[in-house]
Amino acid sequence: MRDFQYLFNSSGEWIAFRINKYVFNSNGDWIGWLPWDDCEVVDTNGSYLGHIFAGNRFYRKRSISYRGYPGYPGYPGYPGYPGYPGFAGYAQLPFGASDIDMSAINKG
């Protein structure tokens, strides 16, 4: 069984999705993973990428504690296109968080 989740920015735009511990951009490119079984996401090189908030919001905290190198989980393969989830509605950013600049990390 796959644990699937659409992820949105504060404007309600669909920016990514998660399948199990892997995070993909909206084009289906692998951009990160959840190495510690919590809401912190690191990129494919092991650097901090962001946090999953309030169930389906994907933001970047301005300040985080270094948790060490998370290792490498192995390539997850191509997940396929998950379909378009629509607009999630606006949400206020949590204190100390900002939207993730997906254009800086999108591969496709």
PDB file of N, CA and C in Angstrom:
ATOM      1  N   MET A   1       0.840  -1.187   0.000  1.00  0.00           N
ATOM      2  CA  MET A   1       0.000   0.000   0.000  1.00  0.00           C
ATOM      3  C   MET A   1       0.880   1.244   0.000  1.00  0.00           C
ATOM      4  N   ARG A   2       0.532   2.211  -0.852  1.00  0.00           N
ATOM      5  CA  ARG A   2       1.309   3.432  -0.944  1.00  0.00           C
ATOM      6  C   ARG A   2       0.689   4.521  -0.083  1.00  0.00           C
ATOM      7  N   ASP A   3       1.556   5.226   0.645  1.00  0.00           N
ATOM      8  CA  ASP A   3       1.138   6.390   1.413  1.00  0.00           C
ATOM      9  C   ASP A   3       1.344   7.594   0.506  1.00  0.00           C
ATOM     10  N   PHE A   4       0.261   8.173  -0.009  1.00  0.00           N
ATOM     11  CA  PHE A   4       0.325   9.232  -1.014  1.00  0.00           C
ATOM     12  C   PHE A   4      -0.210  10.538  -0.435  1.00  0.00           C
ATOM     13  N   GLN A   5       0.440  11.670  -0.816  1.00  0.00           N
ATOM     14  CA  GLN A   5       0.019  12.976  -0.314  1.00  0.00           C
ATOM     15  C   GLN A   5       0.387  14.066  -1.318  1.00  0.00           C
ATOM     16  N   TYR A   6      -0.590  14.902  -1.714  1.00  0.00           N
ATOM     17  CA  TYR A   6      -0.305  16.104  -2.495  1.00  0.00           C
ATOM     18  C   TYR A   6       0.218  17.175  -1.554  1.00  0.00           C
ATOM     19  N   LEU A   7       1.163  18.006  -2.029  1.00  0.00           N
ATOM     20  CA  LEU A   7       1.749  19.078  -1.215  1.00  0.00           C
ATOM     21  C   LEU A   7       1.577  20.419  -1.925  1.00  0.00           C
ATOM     22  N   PHE A   8       1.222  21.459  -1.150  1.00  0.00           N
ATOM     23  CA  PHE A   8       0.884  22.762  -1.689  1.00  0.00           C
ATOM     24  C   PHE A   8       1.682  23.861  -1.012  1.00  0.00           C
ATOM     25  N   ASN A   9       1.835  25.006  -1.704  1.00  0.00           N
ATOM     26  CA  ASN A   9       2.450  26.179  -1.086  1.00  0.00           C
ATOM     27  C   ASN A   9       1.368  27.003  -0.390  1.00  0.00           C
ATOM     28  N   SER A  10       1.727  28.152   0.160  1.00  0.00           N
ATOM     29  CA  SER A  10       0.760  28.958   0.911  1.00  0.00           C
ATOM     30  C   SER A  10      -0.310  29.578   0.013  1.00  0.00           C
ATOM     31  N   SER A  11      -0.057  29.687  -1.280  1.00  0.00           N
ATOM     32  CA  SER A  11      -1.049  30.207  -2.219  1.00  0.00           C
ATOM     33  C   SER A  11      -2.047  29.152  -2.662  1.00  0.00           C
ATOM     34  N   GLY A  12      -1.824  27.913  -2.239  1.00  0.00           N
ATOM     35  CA  GLY A  12      -2.710  26.819  -2.609  1.00  0.00           C
ATOM     36  C   GLY A  12      -2.335  26.128  -3.895  1.00  0.00           C
ATOM     37  N   GLU A  13      -1.186  26.498  -4.476  1.00  0.00           N
ATOM     38  CA  GLU A  13      -0.721  25.859  -5.708  1.00  0.00           C
ATOM     39  C   GLU A  13      -0.084  24.509  -5.387  1.00  0.00           C
ATOM     40  N   TRP A  14      -0.374  23.520  -6.212  1.00  0.00           N
ATOM     41  CA  TRP A  14       0.234  22.198  -6.080  1.00  0.00           C
ATOM     42  C   TRP A  14       1.686  22.297  -6.514  1.00  0.00           C
ATOM     43  N   ILE A  15       2.622  21.968  -5.612  1.00  0.00           N
ATOM     44  CA  ILE A  15       4.048  22.087  -5.930  1.00  0.00           C
ATOM     45  C   ILE A  15       4.788  20.760  -5.870  1.00  0.00           C
ATOM     46  N   ALA A  16       4.243  19.766  -5.184  1.00  0.00           N
ATOM     47  CA  ALA A  16       4.951  18.498  -5.027  1.00  0.00           C
ATOM     48  C   ALA A  16       3.975  17.426  -4.550  1.00  0.00           C
ATOM     49  N   PHE A  17       4.463  16.192  -4.503  1.00  0.00           N
ATOM     50  CA  PHE A  17       3.697  15.113  -3.902  1.00  0.00           C
ATOM     51  C   PHE A  17       4.646  14.139  -3.233  1.00  0.00           C
ATOM     52  N   ARG A  18       4.100  13.396  -2.290  1.00  0.00           N
ATOM     53  CA  ARG A  18       4.892  12.426  -1.524  1.00  0.00           C
ATOM     54  C   ARG A  18       4.289  11.044  -1.711  1.00  0.00           C
ATOM     55  N   ILE A  19       5.165  10.087  -1.968  1.00  0.00           N
ATOM     56  CA  ILE A  19       4.783   8.679  -1.969  1.00  0.00           C
ATOM     57  C   ILE A  19       5.696   7.991  -0.967  1.00  0.00           C
ATOM     58  N   ASN A  20       5.093   7.473   0.090  1.00  0.00           N
ATOM     59  CA  ASN A  20       5.844   6.891   1.207  1.00  0.00           C
ATOM     60  C   ASN A  20       6.840   7.922   1.711  1.00  0.00           C
ATOM     61  N   LYS A  21       8.143   7.619   1.692  1.00  0.00           N
ATOM     62  CA  LYS A  21       9.129   8.572   2.211  1.00  0.00           C
ATOM     63  C   LYS A  21       9.768   9.439   1.133  1.00  0.00           C
ATOM     64  N   TYR A  22       9.323   9.296  -0.106  1.00  0.00           N
ATOM     65  CA  TYR A  22       9.916  10.039  -1.222  1.00  0.00           C
ATOM     66  C   TYR A  22       9.050  11.231  -1.629  1.00  0.00           C
ATOM     67  N   VAL A  23       9.701  12.364  -1.984  1.00  0.00           N
ATOM     68  CA  VAL A  23       9.005  13.569  -2.408  1.00  0.00           C
ATOM     69  C   VAL A  23       9.411  13.880  -3.849  1.00  0.00           C
ATOM     70  N   PHE A  24       8.403  14.186  -4.664  1.00  0.00           N
ATOM     71  CA  PHE A  24       8.592  14.462  -6.088  1.00  0.00           C
ATOM     72  C   PHE A  24       7.999  15.826  -6.418  1.00  0.00           C
ATOM     73  N   ASN A  25       8.565  16.515  -7.408  1.00  0.00           N
ATOM     74  CA  ASN A  25       7.940  17.763  -7.859  1.00  0.00           C
ATOM     75  C   ASN A  25       6.716  17.420  -8.693  1.00  0.00           C
ATOM     76  N   SER A  26       5.991  18.425  -9.139  1.00  0.00           N
ATOM     77  CA  SER A  26       4.748  18.176  -9.873  1.00  0.00           C
ATOM     78  C   SER A  26       4.977  17.541 -11.250  1.00  0.00           C
ATOM     79  N   ASN A  27       6.227  17.504 -11.714  1.00  0.00           N
ATOM     80  CA  ASN A  27       6.562  16.814 -12.968  1.00  0.00           C
ATOM     81  C   ASN A  27       6.903  15.346 -12.752  1.00  0.00           C
ATOM     82  N   GLY A  28       6.965  14.910 -11.502  1.00  0.00           N
ATOM     83  CA  GLY A  28       7.313  13.527 -11.205  1.00  0.00           C
ATOM     84  C   GLY A  28       8.795  13.297 -11.001  1.00  0.00           C
ATOM     85  N   ASP A  29       9.597  14.371 -10.903  1.00  0.00           N
ATOM     86  CA  ASP A  29      11.037  14.236 -10.657  1.00  0.00           C
ATOM     87  C   ASP A  29      11.276  14.102  -9.164  1.00  0.00           C
ATOM     88  N   TRP A  30      12.119  13.170  -8.778  1.00  0.00           N
ATOM     89  CA  TRP A  30      12.453  12.964  -7.372  1.00  0.00           C
ATOM     90  C   TRP A  30      13.272  14.149  -6.877  1.00  0.00           C
ATOM     91  N   ILE A  31      12.792  14.836  -5.836  1.00  0.00           N
ATOM     92  CA  ILE A  31      13.494  16.004  -5.307  1.00  0.00           C
ATOM     93  C   ILE A  31      13.936  15.836  -3.861  1.00  0.00           C
ATOM     94  N   GLY A  32      13.409  14.855  -3.149  1.00  0.00           N
ATOM     95  CA  GLY A  32      13.800  14.688  -1.755  1.00  0.00           C
ATOM     96  C   GLY A  32      13.134  13.504  -1.092  1.00  0.00           C
ATOM     97  N   TRP A  33      13.386  13.399   0.209  1.00  0.00           N
ATOM     98  CA  TRP A  33      12.817  12.294   0.976  1.00  0.00           C
ATOM     99  C   TRP A  33      12.763  12.639   2.458  1.00  0.00           C
ATOM    100  N   LEU A  34      12.056  11.829   3.208  1.00  0.00           N
ATOM    101  CA  LEU A  34      11.876  12.016   4.649  1.00  0.00           C
ATOM    102  C   LEU A  34      12.695  10.952   5.383  1.00  0.00           C
ATOM    103  N   PRO A  35      13.933  11.264   5.741  1.00  0.00           N
ATOM    104  CA  PRO A  35      14.819  10.240   6.316  1.00  0.00           C
ATOM    105  C   PRO A  35      14.545   9.893   7.781  1.00  0.00           C
ATOM    106  N   TRP A  36      13.887  10.784   8.518  1.00  0.00           N
ATOM    107  CA  TRP A  36      13.743  10.565   9.956  1.00  0.00           C
ATOM    108  C   TRP A  36      12.320  10.222  10.375  1.00  0.00           C
ATOM    109  N   ASP A  37      11.495   9.822   9.453  1.00  0.00           N
ATOM    110  CA  ASP A  37      10.111   9.431   9.758  1.00  0.00           C
ATOM    111  C   ASP A  37       9.343  10.528  10.492  1.00  0.00           C
ATOM    112  N   ASP A  38       9.617  11.780  10.130  1.00  0.00           N
ATOM    113  CA  ASP A  38       8.849  12.908  10.652  1.00  0.00           C
ATOM    114  C   ASP A  38       8.522  13.817   9.473  1.00  0.00           C
ATOM    115  N   CYS A  39       8.357  15.092   9.680  1.00  0.00           N
ATOM    116  CA  CYS A  39       7.927  15.991   8.614  1.00  0.00           C
ATOM    117  C   CYS A  39       9.068  16.723   7.918  1.00  0.00           C
ATOM    118  N   GLU A  40      10.332  16.475   8.289  1.00  0.00           N
ATOM    119  CA  GLU A  40      11.466  17.157   7.675  1.00  0.00           C
ATOM    120  C   GLU A  40      11.898  16.449   6.394  1.00  0.00           C
ATOM    121  N   VAL A  41      12.021  17.245   5.323  1.00  0.00           N
ATOM    122  CA  VAL A  41      12.394  16.724   4.012  1.00  0.00           C
ATOM    123  C   VAL A  41      13.793  17.199   3.664  1.00  0.00           C
ATOM    124  N   VAL A  42      14.637  16.296   3.186  1.00  0.00           N
ATOM    125  CA  VAL A  42      15.958  16.657   2.675  1.00  0.00           C
ATOM    126  C   VAL A  42      15.973  16.398   1.174  1.00  0.00           C
ATOM    127  N   ASP A  43      16.861  17.096   0.455  1.00  0.00           N
ATOM    128  CA  ASP A  43      16.944  16.884  -0.987  1.00  0.00           C
ATOM    129  C   ASP A  43      17.714  15.598  -1.280  1.00  0.00           C
ATOM    130  N   THR A  44      17.897  15.298  -2.542  1.00  0.00           N
ATOM    131  CA  THR A  44      18.539  14.046  -2.932  1.00  0.00           C
ATOM    132  C   THR A  44      20.019  13.983  -2.559  1.00  0.00           C
ATOM    133  N   ASN A  45      20.608  15.139  -2.186  1.00  0.00           N
ATOM    134  CA  ASN A  45      21.999  15.175  -1.725  1.00  0.00           C
ATOM    135  C   ASN A  45      22.111  15.155  -0.207  1.00  0.00           C
ATOM    136  N   GLY A  46      20.975  15.163   0.494  1.00  0.00           N
ATOM    137  CA  GLY A  46      20.977  15.122   1.947  1.00  0.00           C
ATOM    138  C   GLY A  46      20.919  16.475   2.626  1.00  0.00           C
ATOM    139  N   SER A  47      20.732  17.559   1.865  1.00  0.00           N
ATOM    140  CA  SER A  47      20.618  18.901   2.443  1.00  0.00           C
ATOM    141  C   SER A  47      19.158  19.222   2.734  1.00  0.00           C
ATOM    142  N   TYR A  48      18.942  20.075   3.718  1.00  0.00           N
ATOM    143  CA  TYR A  48      17.588  20.456   4.099  1.00  0.00           C
ATOM    144  C   TYR A  48      16.826  21.061   2.925  1.00  0.00           C
ATOM    145  N   LEU A  49      15.589  20.606   2.740  1.00  0.00           N
ATOM    146  CA  LEU A  49      14.737  21.128   1.677  1.00  0.00           C
ATOM    147  C   LEU A  49      13.513  21.829   2.251  1.00  0.00           C
ATOM    148  N   GLY A  50      12.849  21.245   3.227  1.00  0.00           N
ATOM    149  CA  GLY A  50      11.663  21.860   3.796  1.00  0.00           C
ATOM    150  C   GLY A  50      10.974  20.954   4.796  1.00  0.00           C
ATOM    151  N   HIS A  51       9.795  21.374   5.221  1.00  0.00           N
ATOM    152  CA  HIS A  51       8.963  20.623   6.164  1.00  0.00           C
ATOM    153  C   HIS A  51       7.557  20.502   5.598  1.00  0.00           C
ATOM    154  N   ILE A  52       6.888  19.427   5.919  1.00  0.00           N
ATOM    155  CA  ILE A  52       5.483  19.268   5.590  1.00  0.00           C
ATOM    156  C   ILE A  52       4.686  19.741   6.809  1.00  0.00           C
ATOM    157  N   PHE A  53       3.843  20.749   6.592  1.00  0.00           N
ATOM    158  CA  PHE A  53       3.039  21.351   7.657  1.00  0.00           C
ATOM    159  C   PHE A  53       1.561  21.055   7.438  1.00  0.00           C
ATOM    160  N   ALA A  54       0.813  21.063   8.503  1.00  0.00           N
ATOM    161  CA  ALA A  54      -0.659  21.030   8.478  1.00  0.00           C
ATOM    162  C   ALA A  54      -1.209  20.012   7.490  1.00  0.00           C
ATOM    163  N   GLY A  55      -0.560  18.878   7.415  1.00  0.00           N
ATOM    164  CA  GLY A  55      -1.072  17.807   6.578  1.00  0.00           C
ATOM    165  C   GLY A  55      -0.685  17.853   5.122  1.00  0.00           C
ATOM    166  N   ASN A  56      -0.763  19.047   4.473  1.00  0.00           N
ATOM    167  CA  ASN A  56      -0.479  19.063   3.039  1.00  0.00           C
ATOM    168  C   ASN A  56       0.236  20.322   2.559  1.00  0.00           C
ATOM    169  N   ARG A  57       0.863  21.064   3.458  1.00  0.00           N
ATOM    170  CA  ARG A  57       1.595  22.268   3.063  1.00  0.00           C
ATOM    171  C   ARG A  57       3.090  21.992   3.149  1.00  0.00           C
ATOM    172  N   PHE A  58       3.826  22.439   2.139  1.00  0.00           N
ATOM    173  CA  PHE A  58       5.263  22.186   2.038  1.00  0.00           C
ATOM    174  C   PHE A  58       5.979  23.531   2.075  1.00  0.00           C
ATOM    175  N   TYR A  59       6.605  23.846   3.219  1.00  0.00           N
ATOM    176  CA  TYR A  59       7.291  25.110   3.437  1.00  0.00           C
ATOM    177  C   TYR A  59       8.728  24.867   3.877  1.00  0.00           C
ATOM    178  N   ARG A  60       9.485  25.928   3.851  1.00  0.00           N
ATOM    179  CA  ARG A  60      10.878  25.888   4.300  1.00  0.00           C
ATOM    180  C   ARG A  60      10.997  26.705   5.575  1.00  0.00           C
ATOM    181  N   LYS A  61      11.558  26.118   6.626  1.00  0.00           N
ATOM    182  CA  LYS A  61      11.826  26.855   7.858  1.00  0.00           C
ATOM    183  C   LYS A  61      13.104  27.661   7.677  1.00  0.00           C
ATOM    184  N   ARG A  62      13.126  28.857   8.237  1.00  0.00           N
ATOM    185  CA  ARG A  62      14.305  29.713   8.108  1.00  0.00           C
ATOM    186  C   ARG A  62      15.458  29.233   8.975  1.00  0.00           C
ATOM    187  N   SER A  63      15.126  28.572  10.073  1.00  0.00           N
ATOM    188  CA  SER A  63      16.155  28.114  10.998  1.00  0.00           C
ATOM    189  C   SER A  63      15.841  26.681  11.432  1.00  0.00           C
ATOM    190  N   ILE A  64      16.818  25.805  11.262  1.00  0.00           N
ATOM    191  CA  ILE A  64      16.647  24.415  11.682  1.00  0.00           C
ATOM    192  C   ILE A  64      17.906  23.942  12.397  1.00  0.00           C
ATOM    193  N   SER A  65      17.784  22.896  13.166  1.00  0.00           N
ATOM    194  CA  SER A  65      18.943  22.281  13.813  1.00  0.00           C
ATOM    195  C   SER A  65      19.540  21.244  12.875  1.00  0.00           C
ATOM    196  N   TYR A  66      20.855  21.183  12.825  1.00  0.00           N
ATOM    197  CA  TYR A  66      21.518  20.192  11.984  1.00  0.00           C
ATOM    198  C   TYR A  66      21.352  18.812  12.604  1.00  0.00           C
ATOM    199  N   ARG A  67      20.883  17.866  11.826  1.00  0.00           N
ATOM    200  CA  ARG A  67      20.608  16.524  12.328  1.00  0.00           C
ATOM    201  C   ARG A  67      21.618  15.486  11.840  1.00  0.00           C
ATOM    202  N   GLY A  68      22.621  15.907  11.117  1.00  0.00           N
ATOM    203  CA  GLY A  68      23.593  14.969  10.588  1.00  0.00           C
ATOM    204  C   GLY A  68      23.227  14.552   9.177  1.00  0.00           C
ATOM    205  N   TYR A  69      24.132  13.853   8.533  1.00  0.00           N
ATOM    206  CA  TYR A  69      23.896  13.386   7.175  1.00  0.00           C
ATOM    207  C   TYR A  69      22.896  12.232   7.210  1.00  0.00           C
ATOM    208  N   PRO A  70      21.820  12.323   6.440  1.00  0.00           N
ATOM    209  CA  PRO A  70      20.776  11.307   6.516  1.00  0.00           C
ATOM    210  C   PRO A  70      21.059  10.025   5.746  1.00  0.00           C
ATOM    211  N   GLY A  71      22.156   9.990   5.001  1.00  0.00           N
ATOM    212  CA  GLY A  71      22.418   8.820   4.173  1.00  0.00           C
ATOM    213  C   GLY A  71      21.725   8.965   2.826  1.00  0.00           C
ATOM    214  N   TYR A  72      21.647   7.883   2.096  1.00  0.00           N
ATOM    215  CA  TYR A  72      21.022   7.869   0.780  1.00  0.00           C
ATOM    216  C   TYR A  72      20.044   6.713   0.729  1.00  0.00           C
ATOM    217  N   PRO A  73      18.784   6.965   0.388  1.00  0.00           N
ATOM    218  CA  PRO A  73      17.782   5.904   0.452  1.00  0.00           C
ATOM    219  C   PRO A  73      17.739   4.985  -0.747  1.00  0.00           C
ATOM    220  N   GLY A  74      18.437   5.335  -1.804  1.00  0.00           N
ATOM    221  CA  GLY A  74      18.312   4.587  -3.051  1.00  0.00           C
ATOM    222  C   GLY A  74      17.295   5.256  -3.942  1.00  0.00           C
ATOM    223  N   TYR A  75      17.475   5.181  -5.225  1.00  0.00           N
ATOM    224  CA  TYR A  75      16.593   5.843  -6.186  1.00  0.00           C
ATOM    225  C   TYR A  75      15.210   5.201  -6.157  1.00  0.00           C
ATOM    226  N   PRO A  76      14.150   6.000  -6.026  1.00  0.00           N
ATOM    227  CA  PRO A  76      12.814   5.427  -5.907  1.00  0.00           C
ATOM    228  C   PRO A  76      12.166   5.004  -7.216  1.00  0.00           C
ATOM    229  N   GLY A  77      12.756   5.383  -8.350  1.00  0.00           N
ATOM    230  CA  GLY A  77      12.128   5.091  -9.630  1.00  0.00           C
ATOM    231  C   GLY A  77      11.122   6.158  -9.993  1.00  0.00           C
ATOM    232  N   TYR A  78      10.555   6.061 -11.178  1.00  0.00           N
ATOM    233  CA  TYR A  78       9.588   7.048 -11.640  1.00  0.00           C
ATOM    234  C   TYR A  78       8.212   6.724 -11.073  1.00  0.00           C
ATOM    235  N   PRO A  79       7.567   7.681 -10.413  1.00  0.00           N
ATOM    236  CA  PRO A  79       6.294   7.391  -9.765  1.00  0.00           C
ATOM    237  C   PRO A  79       5.083   7.424 -10.678  1.00  0.00           C
ATOM    238  N   GLY A  80       5.253   7.961 -11.888  1.00  0.00           N
ATOM    239  CA  GLY A  80       4.107   8.176 -12.759  1.00  0.00           C
ATOM    240  C   GLY A  80       3.449   9.503 -12.415  1.00  0.00           C
ATOM    241  N   TYR A  81       2.597   9.975 -13.294  1.00  0.00           N
ATOM    242  CA  TYR A  81       1.916  11.246 -13.049  1.00  0.00           C
ATOM    243  C   TYR A  81       0.733  11.012 -12.122  1.00  0.00           C
ATOM    244  N   PRO A  82       0.659  11.749 -11.014  1.00  0.00           N
ATOM    245  CA  PRO A  82      -0.387  11.476 -10.036  1.00  0.00           C
ATOM    246  C   PRO A  82      -1.738  12.110 -10.330  1.00  0.00           C
ATOM    247  N   GLY A  83      -1.844  12.883 -11.396  1.00  0.00           N
ATOM    248  CA  GLY A  83      -3.082  13.605 -11.667  1.00  0.00           C
ATOM    249  C   GLY A  83      -3.040  14.982 -11.023  1.00  0.00           C
ATOM    250  N   TYR A  84      -3.887  15.858 -11.473  1.00  0.00           N
ATOM    251  CA  TYR A  84      -3.901  17.225 -10.959  1.00  0.00           C
ATOM    252  C   TYR A  84      -4.890  17.333  -9.804  1.00  0.00           C
ATOM    253  N   PRO A  85      -4.430  17.764  -8.616  1.00  0.00           N
ATOM    254  CA  PRO A  85      -5.319  17.788  -7.456  1.00  0.00           C
ATOM    255  C   PRO A  85      -6.193  19.029  -7.352  1.00  0.00           C
ATOM    256  N   GLY A  86      -5.946  20.033  -8.199  1.00  0.00           N
ATOM    257  CA  GLY A  86      -6.697  21.275  -8.097  1.00  0.00           C
ATOM    258  C   GLY A  86      -6.038  22.242  -7.126  1.00  0.00           C
ATOM    259  N   PHE A  87      -6.786  23.243  -6.731  1.00  0.00           N
ATOM    260  CA  PHE A  87      -6.310  24.334  -5.885  1.00  0.00           C
ATOM    261  C   PHE A  87      -6.698  24.044  -4.442  1.00  0.00           C
ATOM    262  N   ALA A  88      -5.751  24.206  -3.502  1.00  0.00           N
ATOM    263  CA  ALA A  88      -6.005  23.878  -2.101  1.00  0.00           C
ATOM    264  C   ALA A  88      -6.496  25.056  -1.278  1.00  0.00           C
ATOM    265  N   GLY A  89      -6.485  26.256  -1.825  1.00  0.00           N
ATOM    266  CA  GLY A  89      -6.882  27.434  -1.055  1.00  0.00           C
ATOM    267  C   GLY A  89      -5.689  28.051  -0.348  1.00  0.00           C
ATOM    268  N   TYR A  90      -5.835  29.297  -0.004  1.00  0.00           N
ATOM    269  CA  TYR A  90      -4.740  30.018   0.648  1.00  0.00           C
ATOM    270  C   TYR A  90      -4.578  29.566   2.094  1.00  0.00           C
ATOM    271  N   ALA A  91      -3.335  29.657   2.590  1.00  0.00           N
ATOM    272  CA  ALA A  91      -3.044  29.335   3.985  1.00  0.00           C
ATOM    273  C   ALA A  91      -1.967  30.301   4.474  1.00  0.00           C
ATOM    274  N   GLN A  92      -2.087  30.717   5.705  1.00  0.00           N
ATOM    275  CA  GLN A  92      -1.086  31.609   6.278  1.00  0.00           C
ATOM    276  C   GLN A  92       0.184  30.820   6.570  1.00  0.00           C
ATOM    277  N   LEU A  93       1.330  31.422   6.237  1.00  0.00           N
ATOM    278  CA  LEU A  93       2.608  30.781   6.532  1.00  0.00           C
ATOM    279  C   LEU A  93       2.828  30.733   8.042  1.00  0.00           C
ATOM    280  N   PRO A  94       3.330  29.626   8.565  1.00  0.00           N
ATOM    281  CA  PRO A  94       3.688  29.582   9.978  1.00  0.00           C
ATOM    282  C   PRO A  94       4.843  30.544  10.260  1.00  0.00           C
ATOM    283  N   PHE A  95       4.938  31.022  11.489  1.00  0.00           N
ATOM    284  CA  PHE A  95       6.021  31.917  11.870  1.00  0.00           C
ATOM    285  C   PHE A  95       7.359  31.236  11.592  1.00  0.00           C
ATOM    286  N   GLY A  96       8.280  31.942  10.960  1.00  0.00           N
ATOM    287  CA  GLY A  96       9.604  31.413  10.673  1.00  0.00           C
ATOM    288  C   GLY A  96       9.671  30.515   9.449  1.00  0.00           C
ATOM    289  N   ALA A  97       8.625  30.504   8.635  1.00  0.00           N
ATOM    290  CA  ALA A  97       8.606  29.656   7.444  1.00  0.00           C
ATOM    291  C   ALA A  97       8.370  30.510   6.202  1.00  0.00           C
ATOM    292  N   SER A  98       8.763  29.976   5.052  1.00  0.00           N
ATOM    293  CA  SER A  98       8.536  30.646   3.772  1.00  0.00           C
ATOM    294  C   SER A  98       8.201  29.590   2.730  1.00  0.00           C
ATOM    295  N   ASP A  99       7.613  30.044   1.626  1.00  0.00           N
ATOM    296  CA  ASP A  99       7.359  29.116   0.536  1.00  0.00           C
ATOM    297  C   ASP A  99       8.682  28.659  -0.060  1.00  0.00           C
ATOM    298  N   ILE A 100       8.695  27.458  -0.576  1.00  0.00           N
ATOM    299  CA  ILE A 100       9.888  26.896  -1.205  1.00  0.00           C
ATOM    300  C   ILE A 100       9.942  27.378  -2.658  1.00  0.00           C
ATOM    301  N   ASP A 101      11.107  27.826  -3.091  1.00  0.00           N
ATOM    302  CA  ASP A 101      11.292  28.248  -4.478  1.00  0.00           C
ATOM    303  C   ASP A 101      11.507  26.992  -5.329  1.00  0.00           C
ATOM    304  N   MET A 102      10.422  26.472  -5.840  1.00  0.00           N
ATOM    305  CA  MET A 102      10.500  25.221  -6.618  1.00  0.00           C
ATOM    306  C   MET A 102      11.274  25.402  -7.910  1.00  0.00           C
ATOM    307  N   SER A 103      11.329  26.614  -8.456  1.00  0.00           N
ATOM    308  CA  SER A 103      12.071  26.821  -9.703  1.00  0.00           C
ATOM    309  C   SER A 103      13.564  26.575  -9.490  1.00  0.00           C
ATOM    310  N   ALA A 104      14.041  26.738  -8.263  1.00  0.00           N
ATOM    311  CA  ALA A 104      15.454  26.515  -7.971  1.00  0.00           C
ATOM    312  C   ALA A 104      15.780  25.019  -7.846  1.00  0.00           C
ATOM    313  N   ILE A 105      14.761  24.193  -7.605  1.00  0.00           N
ATOM    314  CA  ILE A 105      15.035  22.756  -7.435  1.00  0.00           C
ATOM    315  C   ILE A 105      14.382  21.886  -8.480  1.00  0.00           C
ATOM    316  N   ASN A 106      13.447  22.411  -9.262  1.00  0.00           N
ATOM    317  CA  ASN A 106      12.793  21.595 -10.288  1.00  0.00           C
ATOM    318  C   ASN A 106      13.804  21.132 -11.325  1.00  0.00           C
ATOM    319  N   LYS A 107      13.698  19.873 -11.700  1.00  0.00           N
ATOM    320  CA  LYS A 107      14.630  19.288 -12.655  1.00  0.00           C
ATOM    321  C   LYS A 107      14.027  19.216 -14.055  1.00  0.00           C
ATOM    322  N   GLY A 108      12.719  19.213 -14.120  1.00  0.00           N
ATOM    323  CA  GLY A 108      12.028  19.018 -15.393  1.00  0.00           C
ATOM    324  C   GLY A 108      11.627  20.276 -16.067  1.00  0.00           C
TER     325      GLY A 108
END
